[in-house]
Amino acid sequence: MNKIFRPAIVMMAAMTLITGVAYPLVVTGAAQALFPAQAAGSLVERGGKPVGSVLIGQNFSDPKHFWGRPSATSPMGYNAGASGGSNQGPLNPALTDAVKGRIEALRAADPGNTAAVPVDLVTASASGLDPHISPAAAQYQADRVARARSLPADKVRALVAQQTEGALWGLLGEPRVNVLQLNLALEALR
């Protein structure tokens, strides 16, 4: 019996040390050495205090700020510990009602804006934490933000264009705007 259990126990202990201790330490050390900002969560600091992460969306509801995508995380929105979508399909009445309510809220916040509402302002991402919106979604909000801050609309639109990130390596993905970075750049205009 000893001949059977001893090799199994030794192998389990060795694999536990290799895959449960050594490998995570090596990967974490390499990440911290090669990509320190990303390994630390890509935090954005102002005045020595973290104000957010460029990787996780936040709830901005003040008319003086650009608003991001809605969050479907529960029990509260933008909960990084509960990343996930609503899993509601396009024919689900709950999703239809939620989108209609979001469109009404956007129209109420900017009654003079008759442009089509960009889809990313009324639908949550798969993670519920997407920190980006499309340039169209940012431009849709530019006039409201400019009025709320008593800024020229052209200046706010130029800021949106400046904060727009292109496709990765010019090939992957779509142009996008990080809402946190855009709002921090907007704060810096003062």
Protein backbone atom coordinates (compact mmCIF):
# COMPACT_ATOMS: atom_id res chain seq x y z
CA MET A 1 0.00 0.00 0.00
CA ASN A 2 2.90 2.34 0.79
CA LYS A 3 4.24 1.82 -2.76
CA ILE A 4 0.97 3.14 -4.17
CA PHE A 5 0.25 6.14 -1.92
CA ARG A 6 3.77 7.50 -1.46
CA PRO A 7 4.38 8.40 -5.16
CA ALA A 8 0.88 9.86 -5.43
CA ILE A 9 1.37 12.06 -2.36
CA VAL A 10 4.85 13.15 -3.50
CA MET A 11 3.52 14.00 -6.96
CA MET A 12 0.57 15.93 -5.52
CA ALA A 13 2.86 17.93 -3.22
CA ALA A 14 5.31 18.66 -6.06
CA MET A 15 2.58 19.77 -8.45
CA THR A 16 0.98 21.90 -5.73
CA LEU A 17 4.28 23.67 -5.13
CA ILE A 18 4.97 24.11 -8.85
CA THR A 19 1.50 25.17 -10.04
CA GLY A 20 0.18 26.71 -6.84
CA VAL A 21 3.23 28.56 -5.56
CA ALA A 22 6.18 28.80 -7.97
CA TYR A 23 4.26 29.52 -11.19
CA PRO A 24 2.05 32.29 -9.72
CA LEU A 25 5.09 33.93 -8.09
CA VAL A 26 7.06 33.86 -11.37
CA VAL A 27 4.15 35.22 -13.43
CA THR A 28 3.34 37.94 -10.87
CA GLY A 29 7.00 38.95 -10.60
CA ALA A 30 7.41 39.08 -14.38
CA ALA A 31 4.22 41.14 -14.75
CA GLN A 32 5.32 43.60 -12.08
CA ALA A 33 8.77 43.93 -13.65
CA LEU A 34 7.66 44.24 -17.28
CA PHE A 35 4.26 45.95 -16.91
CA PRO A 36 4.14 47.65 -13.49
CA ALA A 37 1.16 49.95 -14.18
CA GLN A 38 -0.99 47.19 -15.63
CA ALA A 39 -0.03 44.73 -12.88
CA ALA A 40 -1.13 47.31 -10.30
CA GLY A 41 -4.58 47.63 -11.90
CA SER A 42 -3.93 50.54 -14.29
CA LEU A 43 -4.98 52.96 -11.56
CA VAL A 44 -5.30 56.66 -12.29
CA GLU A 45 -4.20 58.95 -9.47
CA ARG A 46 -4.89 62.62 -8.87
CA GLY A 47 -3.28 64.38 -5.93
CA GLY A 48 -1.72 61.10 -4.79
CA LYS A 49 -5.09 59.37 -4.46
CA PRO A 50 -6.56 56.79 -6.83
CA VAL A 51 -9.63 58.09 -8.67
CA GLY A 52 -10.29 55.00 -10.77
CA SER A 53 -8.87 52.53 -13.22
CA VAL A 54 -8.69 52.89 -16.98
CA LEU A 55 -9.87 49.27 -17.17
CA ILE A 56 -13.12 49.49 -15.18
CA GLY A 57 -16.11 51.68 -15.96
CA GLN A 58 -17.54 54.02 -13.36
CA ASN A 59 -20.90 55.61 -12.79
CA PHE A 60 -20.90 59.24 -13.88
CA SER A 61 -24.34 60.83 -13.56
CA ASP A 62 -23.58 64.54 -13.20
CA PRO A 63 -24.61 66.46 -16.36
CA LYS A 64 -21.17 68.12 -16.27
CA HIS A 65 -19.53 64.76 -17.03
CA PHE A 66 -19.64 62.35 -19.91
CA TRP A 67 -21.61 59.23 -19.09
CA GLY A 68 -20.38 55.73 -19.84
CA ARG A 69 -22.17 52.57 -20.81
CA PRO A 70 -24.85 51.29 -18.46
CA SER A 71 -23.74 48.52 -16.13
CA ALA A 72 -25.56 45.23 -15.73
CA THR A 73 -23.62 44.08 -12.68
CA SER A 74 -25.59 43.28 -9.59
CA PRO A 75 -26.56 43.94 -6.87
CA MET A 76 -25.32 47.43 -7.83
CA GLY A 77 -24.00 48.89 -11.06
CA TYR A 78 -20.28 49.07 -11.81
CA ASN A 79 -19.52 46.39 -9.22
CA ALA A 80 -16.09 45.05 -10.23
CA GLY A 81 -16.57 42.04 -7.98
CA ALA A 82 -19.61 40.90 -9.96
CA SER A 83 -18.60 41.36 -13.57
CA GLY A 84 -21.17 40.05 -16.02
CA GLY A 85 -23.93 41.01 -18.37
CA SER A 86 -27.67 40.83 -17.95
CA ASN A 87 -27.90 37.82 -20.31
CA GLN A 88 -31.09 39.29 -21.72
CA GLY A 89 -31.65 38.62 -25.40
CA PRO A 90 -32.87 41.21 -27.91
CA LEU A 91 -36.47 39.97 -27.67
CA ASN A 92 -36.58 40.06 -23.87
CA PRO A 93 -39.23 42.60 -22.74
CA ALA A 94 -37.10 43.56 -19.71
CA LEU A 95 -34.22 44.58 -21.99
CA THR A 96 -36.57 46.49 -24.28
CA ASP A 97 -38.04 48.36 -21.30
CA ALA A 98 -34.57 49.11 -19.88
CA VAL A 99 -33.36 50.50 -23.22
CA LYS A 100 -36.52 52.63 -23.61
CA GLY A 101 -36.02 54.00 -20.09
CA ARG A 102 -32.37 54.83 -20.81
CA ILE A 103 -33.31 56.61 -24.04
CA GLU A 104 -35.94 58.63 -22.16
CA ALA A 105 -33.37 59.57 -19.49
CA LEU A 106 -30.88 60.73 -22.15
CA ARG A 107 -33.58 62.75 -23.91
CA ALA A 108 -34.66 64.32 -20.61
CA ALA A 109 -31.06 65.27 -19.78
CA ASP A 110 -30.65 66.99 -23.17
CA PRO A 111 -34.10 67.77 -24.62
CA GLY A 112 -32.72 69.75 -27.56
CA ASN A 113 -30.65 66.84 -28.83
CA THR A 114 -32.65 65.15 -31.60
CA ALA A 115 -29.81 62.99 -32.91
CA ALA A 116 -30.11 59.22 -32.84
CA VAL A 117 -28.96 57.82 -29.50
CA PRO A 118 -25.83 55.68 -29.94
CA VAL A 119 -26.50 52.09 -28.95
CA ASP A 120 -23.62 51.92 -26.47
CA LEU A 121 -25.27 54.58 -24.29
CA VAL A 122 -28.35 52.41 -23.75
CA THR A 123 -26.98 48.85 -23.68
CA ALA A 124 -24.57 47.29 -21.19
CA SER A 125 -21.42 45.52 -22.29
CA ALA A 126 -20.87 41.80 -21.72
CA SER A 127 -18.78 42.51 -18.63
CA GLY A 128 -20.99 45.32 -17.35
CA LEU A 129 -17.77 47.25 -16.64
CA ASP A 130 -16.68 48.57 -20.03
CA PRO A 131 -14.74 51.83 -19.46
CA HIS A 132 -15.09 52.94 -23.09
CA ILE A 133 -17.77 54.46 -25.27
CA SER A 134 -17.73 55.06 -28.98
CA PRO A 135 -16.66 58.46 -30.31
CA ALA A 136 -20.25 58.87 -31.53
CA ALA A 137 -21.54 58.35 -27.97
CA ALA A 138 -19.10 60.96 -26.65
CA GLN A 139 -19.97 63.46 -29.40
CA TYR A 140 -23.68 62.86 -28.69
CA GLN A 141 -23.09 64.15 -25.14
CA ALA A 142 -20.70 67.00 -26.01
CA ASP A 143 -23.32 69.76 -26.26
CA ARG A 144 -24.91 68.83 -22.91
CA VAL A 145 -21.54 68.79 -21.18
CA ALA A 146 -20.50 72.07 -22.81
CA ARG A 147 -23.72 73.81 -21.68
CA ALA A 148 -23.46 72.40 -18.14
CA ARG A 149 -19.87 73.68 -17.86
CA SER A 150 -20.39 76.95 -19.76
CA LEU A 151 -17.73 75.93 -22.27
CA PRO A 152 -17.73 76.36 -26.04
CA ALA A 153 -19.11 73.21 -27.66
CA ASP A 154 -16.25 73.22 -30.18
CA LYS A 155 -13.73 73.03 -27.34
CA VAL A 156 -15.50 70.03 -25.80
CA ARG A 157 -15.79 68.31 -29.20
CA ALA A 158 -12.08 68.87 -29.78
CA LEU A 159 -11.35 67.31 -26.39
CA VAL A 160 -13.40 64.25 -27.39
CA ALA A 161 -11.41 63.96 -30.62
CA GLN A 162 -8.15 64.32 -28.68
CA GLN A 163 -9.16 61.58 -26.23
CA THR A 164 -10.30 59.15 -28.95
CA GLU A 165 -8.10 56.06 -29.14
CA GLY A 166 -7.70 54.32 -32.48
CA ALA A 167 -7.79 50.63 -33.26
CA LEU A 168 -5.03 48.59 -31.60
CA TRP A 169 -2.03 48.55 -33.97
CA GLY A 170 -4.34 50.19 -36.50
CA LEU A 171 -6.09 46.85 -37.06
CA LEU A 172 -7.87 45.47 -34.02
CA GLY A 173 -11.04 46.88 -32.56
CA GLU A 174 -12.89 50.11 -33.11
CA PRO A 175 -12.05 53.68 -32.13
CA ARG A 176 -13.08 54.32 -28.54
CA VAL A 177 -13.02 56.91 -25.78
CA ASN A 178 -12.14 56.08 -22.17
CA VAL A 179 -14.80 57.87 -20.13
CA LEU A 180 -12.67 58.32 -16.99
CA GLN A 181 -9.76 59.82 -18.92
CA LEU A 182 -12.13 62.07 -20.89
CA ASN A 183 -13.75 63.36 -17.71
CA LEU A 184 -10.36 63.94 -16.07
CA ALA A 185 -9.21 65.87 -19.15
CA LEU A 186 -12.44 67.85 -18.95
CA GLU A 187 -11.72 68.69 -15.30
CA ALA A 188 -8.26 69.89 -16.32
CA LEU A 189 -9.79 72.46 -18.71
CA ARG A 190 -10.77 74.68 -15.78
